[in-house]
PDB file of N, CA and C in Angstrom:
ATOM      1  N   UNK A   1       0.739  -1.155  -0.212  1.00  0.00           N
ATOM      2  CA  UNK A   1      -0.184  -0.154  -0.034  1.00  0.00           C
ATOM      3  C   UNK A   1       0.936   1.188   0.068  1.00  0.00           C
ATOM      4  N   UNK A   2       0.442   2.330  -1.146  1.00  0.00           N
ATOM      5  CA  UNK A   2       1.346   3.625  -1.110  1.00  0.00           C
ATOM      6  C   UNK A   2       0.905   4.328   0.474  1.00  0.00           C
ATOM      7  N   UNK A   3       1.869   4.504   1.377  1.00  0.00           N
ATOM      8  CA  UNK A   3       1.495   5.137   2.354  1.00  0.00           C
ATOM      9  C   UNK A   3       2.333   6.509   2.260  1.00  0.00           C
ATOM     10  N   UNK A   4       1.899   7.404   3.074  1.00  0.00           N
ATOM     11  CA  UNK A   4       2.822   9.191   2.931  1.00  0.00           C
ATOM     12  C   UNK A   4       2.376   9.205   4.440  1.00  0.00           C
ATOM     13  N   UNK A   5       2.913  10.737   4.894  1.00  0.00           N
ATOM     14  CA  UNK A   5       2.941  10.662   6.791  1.00  0.00           C
ATOM     15  C   UNK A   5       3.214  12.460   6.422  1.00  0.00           C
ATOM     16  N   UNK A   6       2.475  12.695   7.748  1.00  0.00           N
ATOM     17  CA  UNK A   6       2.784  14.577   7.702  1.00  0.00           C
ATOM     18  C   UNK A   6       2.880  14.701   9.710  1.00  0.00           C
ATOM     19  N   UNK A   7       3.432  15.463   9.514  1.00  0.00           N
ATOM     20  CA  UNK A   7       3.393  16.229  11.279  1.00  0.00           C
ATOM     21  C   UNK A   7       2.769  17.575  11.451  1.00  0.00           C
ATOM     22  N   UNK A   8       2.203  17.787  11.932  1.00  0.00           N
ATOM     23  CA  UNK A   8       0.971  18.876  11.898  1.00  0.00           C
ATOM     24  C   UNK A   8       0.981  19.815  12.716  1.00  0.00           C
ATOM     25  N   UNK A   9       0.798  20.951  13.218  1.00  0.00           N
ATOM     26  CA  UNK A   9       0.460  22.081  14.269  1.00  0.00           C
ATOM     27  C   UNK A   9      -0.721  22.744  14.227  1.00  0.00           C
ATOM     28  N   UNK A  10      -1.870  22.782  15.246  1.00  0.00           N
ATOM     29  CA  UNK A  10      -2.934  22.853  14.710  1.00  0.00           C
ATOM     30  C   UNK A  10      -3.592  24.536  15.850  1.00  0.00           C
ATOM     31  N   UNK A  11      -3.284  25.463  15.702  1.00  0.00           N
ATOM     32  CA  UNK A  11      -3.849  26.484  16.142  1.00  0.00           C
ATOM     33  C   UNK A  11      -4.901  27.132  15.978  1.00  0.00           C
ATOM     34  N   UNK A  12      -5.028  27.801  17.424  1.00  0.00           N
ATOM     35  CA  UNK A  12      -6.450  28.189  17.756  1.00  0.00           C
ATOM     36  C   UNK A  12      -6.626  27.801  19.086  1.00  0.00           C
ATOM     37  N   UNK A  13      -8.299  27.945  19.451  1.00  0.00           N
ATOM     38  CA  UNK A  13      -8.764  26.902  20.509  1.00  0.00           C
ATOM     39  C   UNK A  13      -9.000  25.747  20.561  1.00  0.00           C
ATOM     40  N   UNK A  14      -7.786  25.282  20.756  1.00  0.00           N
ATOM     41  CA  UNK A  14      -7.984  23.724  20.099  1.00  0.00           C
ATOM     42  C   UNK A  14      -7.512  23.069  21.391  1.00  0.00           C
ATOM     43  N   UNK A  15      -7.442  23.159  22.637  1.00  0.00           N
ATOM     44  CA  UNK A  15      -7.009  22.661  23.523  1.00  0.00           C
ATOM     45  C   UNK A  15      -8.475  22.553  24.711  1.00  0.00           C
ATOM     46  N   UNK A  16      -8.593  21.898  25.272  1.00  0.00           N
ATOM     47  CA  UNK A  16      -9.979  21.278  26.536  1.00  0.00           C
ATOM     48  C   UNK A  16     -11.388  21.639  25.637  1.00  0.00           C
ATOM     49  N   UNK A  17     -11.328  21.251  24.182  1.00  0.00           N
ATOM     50  CA  UNK A  17     -12.373  21.688  23.693  1.00  0.00           C
ATOM     51  C   UNK A  17     -12.672  20.068  22.567  1.00  0.00           C
ATOM     52  N   UNK A  18     -12.143  19.016  23.491  1.00  0.00           N
ATOM     53  CA  UNK A  18     -12.113  17.618  22.887  1.00  0.00           C
ATOM     54  C   UNK A  18     -11.884  17.280  21.437  1.00  0.00           C
ATOM     55  N   UNK A  19     -10.953  18.143  21.136  1.00  0.00           N
ATOM     56  CA  UNK A  19     -10.152  18.517  19.779  1.00  0.00           C
ATOM     57  C   UNK A  19      -9.580  16.755  19.512  1.00  0.00           C
ATOM     58  N   UNK A  20      -8.520  16.593  20.692  1.00  0.00           N
ATOM     59  CA  UNK A  20      -8.048  15.170  20.420  1.00  0.00           C
ATOM     60  C   UNK A  20      -8.774  14.279  20.714  1.00  0.00           C
ATOM     61  N   UNK A  21     -10.160  14.262  21.402  1.00  0.00           N
ATOM     62  CA  UNK A  21     -11.032  12.890  20.939  1.00  0.00           C
ATOM     63  C   UNK A  21     -11.397  13.023  19.850  1.00  0.00           C
ATOM     64  N   UNK A  22     -12.203  13.982  19.036  1.00  0.00           N
ATOM     65  CA  UNK A  22     -12.685  13.952  18.001  1.00  0.00           C
ATOM     66  C   UNK A  22     -11.716  13.488  16.676  1.00  0.00           C
ATOM     67  N   UNK A  23     -10.210  13.950  16.991  1.00  0.00           N
ATOM     68  CA  UNK A  23      -9.121  13.803  16.272  1.00  0.00           C
ATOM     69  C   UNK A  23      -8.835  12.140  15.956  1.00  0.00           C
ATOM     70  N   UNK A  24      -9.047  11.324  17.128  1.00  0.00           N
ATOM     71  CA  UNK A  24      -8.956  10.023  17.071  1.00  0.00           C
ATOM     72  C   UNK A  24      -9.929   9.331  16.332  1.00  0.00           C
ATOM     73  N   UNK A  25     -11.569   9.752  16.820  1.00  0.00           N
ATOM     74  CA  UNK A  25     -11.989   9.211  15.633  1.00  0.00           C
ATOM     75  C   UNK A  25     -12.061   9.235  14.413  1.00  0.00           C
ATOM     76  N   UNK A  26     -11.751  10.450  14.337  1.00  0.00           N
ATOM     77  CA  UNK A  26     -11.891  10.743  12.255  1.00  0.00           C
ATOM     78  C   UNK A  26     -10.423   9.841  11.615  1.00  0.00           C
ATOM     79  N   UNK A  27      -9.453   9.746  12.664  1.00  0.00           N
ATOM     80  CA  UNK A  27      -8.269   9.223  12.288  1.00  0.00           C
ATOM     81  C   UNK A  27      -8.573   7.822  12.155  1.00  0.00           C
ATOM     82  N   UNK A  28      -9.608   7.204  12.836  1.00  0.00           N
ATOM     83  CA  UNK A  28      -9.665   5.769  13.235  1.00  0.00           C
ATOM     84  C   UNK A  28     -10.827   5.492  11.563  1.00  0.00           C
ATOM     85  N   UNK A  29     -11.696   6.651  11.460  1.00  0.00           N
ATOM     86  CA  UNK A  29     -12.727   6.611  10.460  1.00  0.00           C
ATOM     87  C   UNK A  29     -11.795   6.269   8.924  1.00  0.00           C
ATOM     88  N   UNK A  30     -10.667   6.709   9.269  1.00  0.00           N
ATOM     89  CA  UNK A  30      -9.441   6.962   7.435  1.00  0.00           C
ATOM     90  C   UNK A  30      -8.554   5.830   7.659  1.00  0.00           C
ATOM     91  N   UNK A  31      -8.690   5.318   8.890  1.00  0.00           N
ATOM     92  CA  UNK A  31      -7.456   3.880   8.790  1.00  0.00           C
ATOM     93  C   UNK A  31      -5.807   4.797   8.862  1.00  0.00           C
ATOM     94  N   UNK A  32      -6.040   6.011   9.838  1.00  0.00           N
ATOM     95  CA  UNK A  32      -4.863   6.575  10.320  1.00  0.00           C
ATOM     96  C   UNK A  32      -4.186   6.014  11.318  1.00  0.00           C
ATOM     97  N   UNK A  33      -2.810   5.803  11.052  1.00  0.00           N
ATOM     98  CA  UNK A  33      -1.989   6.022  12.115  1.00  0.00           C
ATOM     99  C   UNK A  33      -1.071   7.176  13.120  1.00  0.00           C
ATOM    100  N   UNK A  34      -0.518   6.986  14.126  1.00  0.00           N
ATOM    101  CA  UNK A  34       0.127   8.088  14.455  1.00  0.00           C
ATOM    102  C   UNK A  34      -0.373   8.486  16.192  1.00  0.00           C
ATOM    103  N   UNK A  35       0.199   9.829  16.078  1.00  0.00           N
ATOM    104  CA  UNK A  35      -0.571  10.197  17.641  1.00  0.00           C
ATOM    105  C   UNK A  35      -1.141  11.912  17.396  1.00  0.00           C
ATOM    106  N   UNK A  36      -1.625  12.271  18.566  1.00  0.00           N
ATOM    107  CA  UNK A  36      -1.766  13.548  18.475  1.00  0.00           C
ATOM    108  C   UNK A  36      -1.482  14.080  20.383  1.00  0.00           C
ATOM    109  N   UNK A  37      -1.200  15.280  20.585  1.00  0.00           N
ATOM    110  CA  UNK A  37      -0.898  15.396  21.929  1.00  0.00           C
ATOM    111  C   UNK A  37      -0.928  17.116  21.827  1.00  0.00           C
ATOM    112  N   UNK A  38      -1.505  18.011  23.067  1.00  0.00           N
ATOM    113  CA  UNK A  38      -1.413  18.771  23.350  1.00  0.00           C
ATOM    114  C   UNK A  38       0.010  19.535  23.650  1.00  0.00           C
ATOM    115  N   UNK A  39       0.419  20.696  23.115  1.00  0.00           N
ATOM    116  CA  UNK A  39       1.559  21.523  22.943  1.00  0.00           C
ATOM    117  C   UNK A  39       1.337  22.287  24.340  1.00  0.00           C
ATOM    118  N   UNK A  40       2.446  22.572  25.095  1.00  0.00           N
ATOM    119  CA  UNK A  40       2.648  24.044  26.054  1.00  0.00           C
ATOM    120  C   UNK A  40       1.976  25.135  25.676  1.00  0.00           C
ATOM    121  N   UNK A  41       2.586  25.012  24.161  1.00  0.00           N
ATOM    122  CA  UNK A  41       1.867  26.865  23.822  1.00  0.00           C
ATOM    123  C   UNK A  41       0.788  26.923  23.527  1.00  0.00           C
ATOM    124  N   UNK A  42      -0.135  26.039  23.684  1.00  0.00           N
ATOM    125  CA  UNK A  42      -1.739  26.241  23.453  1.00  0.00           C
ATOM    126  C   UNK A  42      -2.228  25.605  22.084  1.00  0.00           C
ATOM    127  N   UNK A  43      -0.860  25.216  21.172  1.00  0.00           N
ATOM    128  CA  UNK A  43      -1.743  24.230  19.764  1.00  0.00           C
ATOM    129  C   UNK A  43      -1.607  22.700  20.497  1.00  0.00           C
ATOM    130  N   UNK A  44      -2.249  21.927  19.058  1.00  0.00           N
ATOM    131  CA  UNK A  44      -2.210  20.951  19.210  1.00  0.00           C
ATOM    132  C   UNK A  44      -1.239  20.183  18.151  1.00  0.00           C
ATOM    133  N   UNK A  45      -0.647  19.189  18.211  1.00  0.00           N
ATOM    134  CA  UNK A  45       0.606  18.417  17.689  1.00  0.00           C
ATOM    135  C   UNK A  45       0.050  16.964  17.089  1.00  0.00           C
ATOM    136  N   UNK A  46       0.279  16.776  15.712  1.00  0.00           N
ATOM    137  CA  UNK A  46      -0.013  15.784  15.045  1.00  0.00           C
ATOM    138  C   UNK A  46       0.627  15.046  14.527  1.00  0.00           C
ATOM    139  N   UNK A  47       1.017  13.703  14.799  1.00  0.00           N
ATOM    140  CA  UNK A  47       1.824  12.919  13.359  1.00  0.00           C
ATOM    141  C   UNK A  47       0.713  11.816  13.166  1.00  0.00           C
ATOM    142  N   UNK A  48       0.612  11.882  11.578  1.00  0.00           N
ATOM    143  CA  UNK A  48       0.154  10.770  11.027  1.00  0.00           C
ATOM    144  C   UNK A  48       0.189  10.307   9.851  1.00  0.00           C
ATOM    145  N   UNK A  49      -0.003   9.034   9.938  1.00  0.00           N
ATOM    146  CA  UNK A  49       0.717   8.012   8.535  1.00  0.00           C
ATOM    147  C   UNK A  49      -0.467   7.237   8.051  1.00  0.00           C
ATOM    148  N   UNK A  50      -0.831   7.291   6.598  1.00  0.00           N
ATOM    149  CA  UNK A  50      -2.069   6.369   5.769  1.00  0.00           C
ATOM    150  C   UNK A  50      -1.574   6.728   4.610  1.00  0.00           C
ATOM    151  N   UNK A  51      -2.480   6.767   3.465  1.00  0.00           N
ATOM    152  CA  UNK A  51      -2.692   6.271   2.182  1.00  0.00           C
ATOM    153  C   UNK A  51      -2.509   7.773   2.099  1.00  0.00           C
ATOM    154  N   UNK A  52      -2.490   8.667   0.972  1.00  0.00           N
ATOM    155  CA  UNK A  52      -2.469   9.829   0.914  1.00  0.00           C
ATOM    156  C   UNK A  52      -3.840  10.416   0.487  1.00  0.00           C
ATOM    157  N   UNK A  53      -4.694   9.708   0.072  1.00  0.00           N
ATOM    158  CA  UNK A  53      -6.189  10.276   0.107  1.00  0.00           C
ATOM    159  C   UNK A  53      -6.767  10.572   1.373  1.00  0.00           C
ATOM    160  N   UNK A  54      -6.482   9.376   2.397  1.00  0.00           N
ATOM    161  CA  UNK A  54      -7.203   9.346   3.816  1.00  0.00           C
ATOM    162  C   UNK A  54      -6.697  10.476   3.982  1.00  0.00           C
ATOM    163  N   UNK A  55      -5.146  10.821   4.107  1.00  0.00           N
ATOM    164  CA  UNK A  55      -4.299  11.759   5.001  1.00  0.00           C
ATOM    165  C   UNK A  55      -4.843  13.203   4.533  1.00  0.00           C
ATOM    166  N   UNK A  56      -5.175  13.521   3.154  1.00  0.00           N
ATOM    167  CA  UNK A  56      -5.829  14.628   2.594  1.00  0.00           C
ATOM    168  C   UNK A  56      -7.147  14.792   3.450  1.00  0.00           C
ATOM    169  N   UNK A  57      -8.098  13.587   3.444  1.00  0.00           N
ATOM    170  CA  UNK A  57      -9.320  13.830   4.380  1.00  0.00           C
ATOM    171  C   UNK A  57      -8.931  14.387   5.450  1.00  0.00           C
ATOM    172  N   UNK A  58      -8.005  13.679   6.308  1.00  0.00           N
ATOM    173  CA  UNK A  58      -8.136  13.960   7.818  1.00  0.00           C
ATOM    174  C   UNK A  58      -7.179  15.315   7.787  1.00  0.00           C
ATOM    175  N   UNK A  59      -6.696  15.345   6.976  1.00  0.00           N
ATOM    176  CA  UNK A  59      -6.104  17.299   7.178  1.00  0.00           C
ATOM    177  C   UNK A  59      -7.161  18.141   6.729  1.00  0.00           C
ATOM    178  N   UNK A  60      -7.661  18.031   5.742  1.00  0.00           N
ATOM    179  CA  UNK A  60      -9.628  18.558   5.633  1.00  0.00           C
ATOM    180  C   UNK A  60     -10.029  18.666   7.136  1.00  0.00           C
ATOM    181  N   UNK A  61     -10.006  17.576   7.476  1.00  0.00           N
ATOM    182  CA  UNK A  61     -10.653  17.710   8.999  1.00  0.00           C
ATOM    183  C   UNK A  61     -10.554  18.889  10.089  1.00  0.00           C
ATOM    184  N   UNK A  62      -8.627  18.480  10.109  1.00  0.00           N
ATOM    185  CA  UNK A  62      -7.888  19.138  10.650  1.00  0.00           C
ATOM    186  C   UNK A  62      -8.311  20.642  11.219  1.00  0.00           C
ATOM    187  N   UNK A  63      -8.553  21.293   9.769  1.00  0.00           N
ATOM    188  CA  UNK A  63      -8.317  21.973   9.490  1.00  0.00           C
ATOM    189  C   UNK A  63     -10.033  23.304   9.747  1.00  0.00           C
ATOM    190  N   UNK A  64     -10.845  22.702  10.195  1.00  0.00           N
ATOM    191  CA  UNK A  64     -12.041  22.564  10.562  1.00  0.00           C
ATOM    192  C   UNK A  64     -12.148  22.202  12.221  1.00  0.00           C
ATOM    193  N   UNK A  65     -11.681  20.939  12.466  1.00  0.00           N
ATOM    194  CA  UNK A  65     -11.622  20.628  13.886  1.00  0.00           C
ATOM    195  C   UNK A  65     -13.326  20.295  14.394  1.00  0.00           C
ATOM    196  N   UNK A  66     -13.339  19.894  15.180  1.00  0.00           N
ATOM    197  CA  UNK A  66     -14.689  19.559  16.371  1.00  0.00           C
ATOM    198  C   UNK A  66     -15.850  20.866  16.169  1.00  0.00           C
ATOM    199  N   UNK A  67     -16.991  20.932  16.557  1.00  0.00           N
ATOM    200  CA  UNK A  67     -17.984  22.050  16.962  1.00  0.00           C
ATOM    201  C   UNK A  67     -17.705  22.905  17.369  1.00  0.00           C
ATOM    202  N   UNK A  68     -16.861  22.656  18.838  1.00  0.00           N
ATOM    203  CA  UNK A  68     -16.752  23.823  19.890  1.00  0.00           C
ATOM    204  C   UNK A  68     -15.515  24.642  19.690  1.00  0.00           C
ATOM    205  N   UNK A  69     -14.455  23.748  18.623  1.00  0.00           N
ATOM    206  CA  UNK A  69     -13.347  24.323  18.579  1.00  0.00           C
ATOM    207  C   UNK A  69     -13.022  25.225  17.373  1.00  0.00           C
ATOM    208  N   UNK A  70     -12.263  26.333  17.604  1.00  0.00           N
ATOM    209  CA  UNK A  70     -12.153  27.096  16.672  1.00  0.00           C
ATOM    210  C   UNK A  70     -10.540  27.303  16.182  1.00  0.00           C
ATOM    211  N   UNK A  71     -10.062  26.393  14.844  1.00  0.00           N
ATOM    212  CA  UNK A  71      -8.881  26.359  14.259  1.00  0.00           C
ATOM    213  C   UNK A  71      -8.333  27.419  13.103  1.00  0.00           C
ATOM    214  N   UNK A  72      -7.150  28.007  13.967  1.00  0.00           N
ATOM    215  CA  UNK A  72      -6.773  29.372  13.067  1.00  0.00           C
ATOM    216  C   UNK A  72      -6.262  28.821  11.982  1.00  0.00           C
ATOM    217  N   UNK A  73      -5.613  28.228  12.257  1.00  0.00           N
ATOM    218  CA  UNK A  73      -4.266  27.663  11.082  1.00  0.00           C
ATOM    219  C   UNK A  73      -3.775  26.324  11.289  1.00  0.00           C
ATOM    220  N   UNK A  74      -3.299  25.857  10.321  1.00  0.00           N
ATOM    221  CA  UNK A  74      -2.782  24.577  10.578  1.00  0.00           C
ATOM    222  C   UNK A  74      -1.216  24.207   9.550  1.00  0.00           C
ATOM    223  N   UNK A  75      -0.500  24.156  10.218  1.00  0.00           N
ATOM    224  CA  UNK A  75       0.608  23.989   9.570  1.00  0.00           C
ATOM    225  C   UNK A  75       1.668  22.282   9.750  1.00  0.00           C
ATOM    226  N   UNK A  76       1.172  22.054   8.178  1.00  0.00           N
ATOM    227  CA  UNK A  76       1.620  20.317   8.181  1.00  0.00           C
ATOM    228  C   UNK A  76       2.410  20.717   7.026  1.00  0.00           C
ATOM    229  N   UNK A  77       3.765  19.647   7.542  1.00  0.00           N
ATOM    230  CA  UNK A  77       4.843  19.117   6.939  1.00  0.00           C
ATOM    231  C   UNK A  77       4.614  18.003   6.477  1.00  0.00           C
ATOM    232  N   UNK A  78       4.541  17.631   5.092  1.00  0.00           N
ATOM    233  CA  UNK A  78       4.417  16.257   4.548  1.00  0.00           C
ATOM    234  C   UNK A  78       5.903  15.533   4.589  1.00  0.00           C
ATOM    235  N   UNK A  79       6.006  13.579   5.066  1.00  0.00           N
ATOM    236  CA  UNK A  79       7.444  13.059   4.997  1.00  0.00           C
ATOM    237  C   UNK A  79       6.932  11.799   4.563  1.00  0.00           C
ATOM    238  N   UNK A  80       8.018  11.281   4.518  1.00  0.00           N
ATOM    239  CA  UNK A  80       8.119   9.805   4.106  1.00  0.00           C
ATOM    240  C   UNK A  80       7.231   9.178   5.440  1.00  0.00           C
ATOM    241  N   UNK A  81       6.555   8.122   5.126  1.00  0.00           N
ATOM    242  CA  UNK A  81       5.880   7.351   6.281  1.00  0.00           C
ATOM    243  C   UNK A  81       7.080   6.613   6.939  1.00  0.00           C
ATOM    244  N   UNK A  82       7.005   6.353   8.430  1.00  0.00           N
ATOM    245  CA  UNK A  82       7.829   5.735   8.749  1.00  0.00           C
ATOM    246  C   UNK A  82       7.618   4.117   9.047  1.00  0.00           C
ATOM    247  N   UNK A  83       6.168   4.217   9.245  1.00  0.00           N
ATOM    248  CA  UNK A  83       5.346   2.841   9.169  1.00  0.00           C
ATOM    249  C   UNK A  83       5.940   2.256  10.922  1.00  0.00           C
ATOM    250  N   UNK A  84       5.655   3.049  11.841  1.00  0.00           N
ATOM    251  CA  UNK A  84       6.040   2.515  12.985  1.00  0.00           C
ATOM    252  C   UNK A  84       4.750   2.505  13.891  1.00  0.00           C
ATOM    253  N   UNK A  85       3.665   2.809  13.380  1.00  0.00           N
ATOM    254  CA  UNK A  85       2.565   3.362  14.204  1.00  0.00           C
ATOM    255  C   UNK A  85       1.869   2.068  14.194  1.00  0.00           C
ATOM    256  N   UNK A  86       0.921   1.464  15.157  1.00  0.00           N
ATOM    257  CA  UNK A  86      -0.269   0.540  15.123  1.00  0.00           C
ATOM    258  C   UNK A  86      -1.382   1.155  14.719  1.00  0.00           C
ATOM    259  N   UNK A  87      -1.647   2.120  15.439  1.00  0.00           N
ATOM    260  CA  UNK A  87      -2.930   2.742  15.709  1.00  0.00           C
ATOM    261  C   UNK A  87      -2.920   4.227  15.998  1.00  0.00           C
ATOM    262  N   UNK A  88      -3.568   5.031  16.445  1.00  0.00           N
ATOM    263  CA  UNK A  88      -3.925   6.152  16.285  1.00  0.00           C
ATOM    264  C   UNK A  88      -3.998   6.650  17.894  1.00  0.00           C
ATOM    265  N   UNK A  89      -3.236   7.121  18.547  1.00  0.00           N
ATOM    266  CA  UNK A  89      -3.558   7.377  20.249  1.00  0.00           C
ATOM    267  C   UNK A  89      -3.078   8.956  20.797  1.00  0.00           C
ATOM    268  N   UNK A  90      -3.555   9.126  21.898  1.00  0.00           N
ATOM    269  CA  UNK A  90      -3.429  10.328  22.518  1.00  0.00           C
ATOM    270  C   UNK A  90      -2.131  10.200  23.021  1.00  0.00           C
ATOM    271  N   UNK A  91      -0.890  11.203  22.934  1.00  0.00           N
ATOM    272  CA  UNK A  91       0.229  10.811  23.881  1.00  0.00           C
ATOM    273  C   UNK A  91       0.263  12.159  24.952  1.00  0.00           C
ATOM    274  N   UNK A  92       0.082  11.487  25.928  1.00  0.00           N
ATOM    275  CA  UNK A  92       0.119  12.695  27.461  1.00  0.00           C
ATOM    276  C   UNK A  92       1.026  12.887  27.866  1.00  0.00           C
ATOM    277  N   UNK A  93       2.604  12.884  27.325  1.00  0.00           N
ATOM    278  CA  UNK A  93       3.418  12.846  27.583  1.00  0.00           C
ATOM    279  C   UNK A  93       4.294  13.965  28.465  1.00  0.00           C
ATOM    280  N   UNK A  94       3.366  15.101  27.769  1.00  0.00           N
ATOM    281  CA  UNK A  94       3.910  16.596  28.357  1.00  0.00           C
ATOM    282  C   UNK A  94       3.146  16.906  29.722  1.00  0.00           C
TER     283      UNK A  94
END
């Protein structure tokens, strides 16, 4: 299967509004693997891998977010897939 990946930062009112929960559901919907986490600066960081088409759909969703969020911008950087993720999860490491 043709795989691609991106790392992204989502800016706006994206913490404390269920953004990570909804993003996990969208990632599962599109068969995307990787992780999502809140950063101390208020943005949400995402590492996503999957088919290029499904990643594009996921990225479009990230630009909108869940109903109570306000996404101001998304900075996504495309890269080669590492194929190291088994699913999509929330990283609570920070």
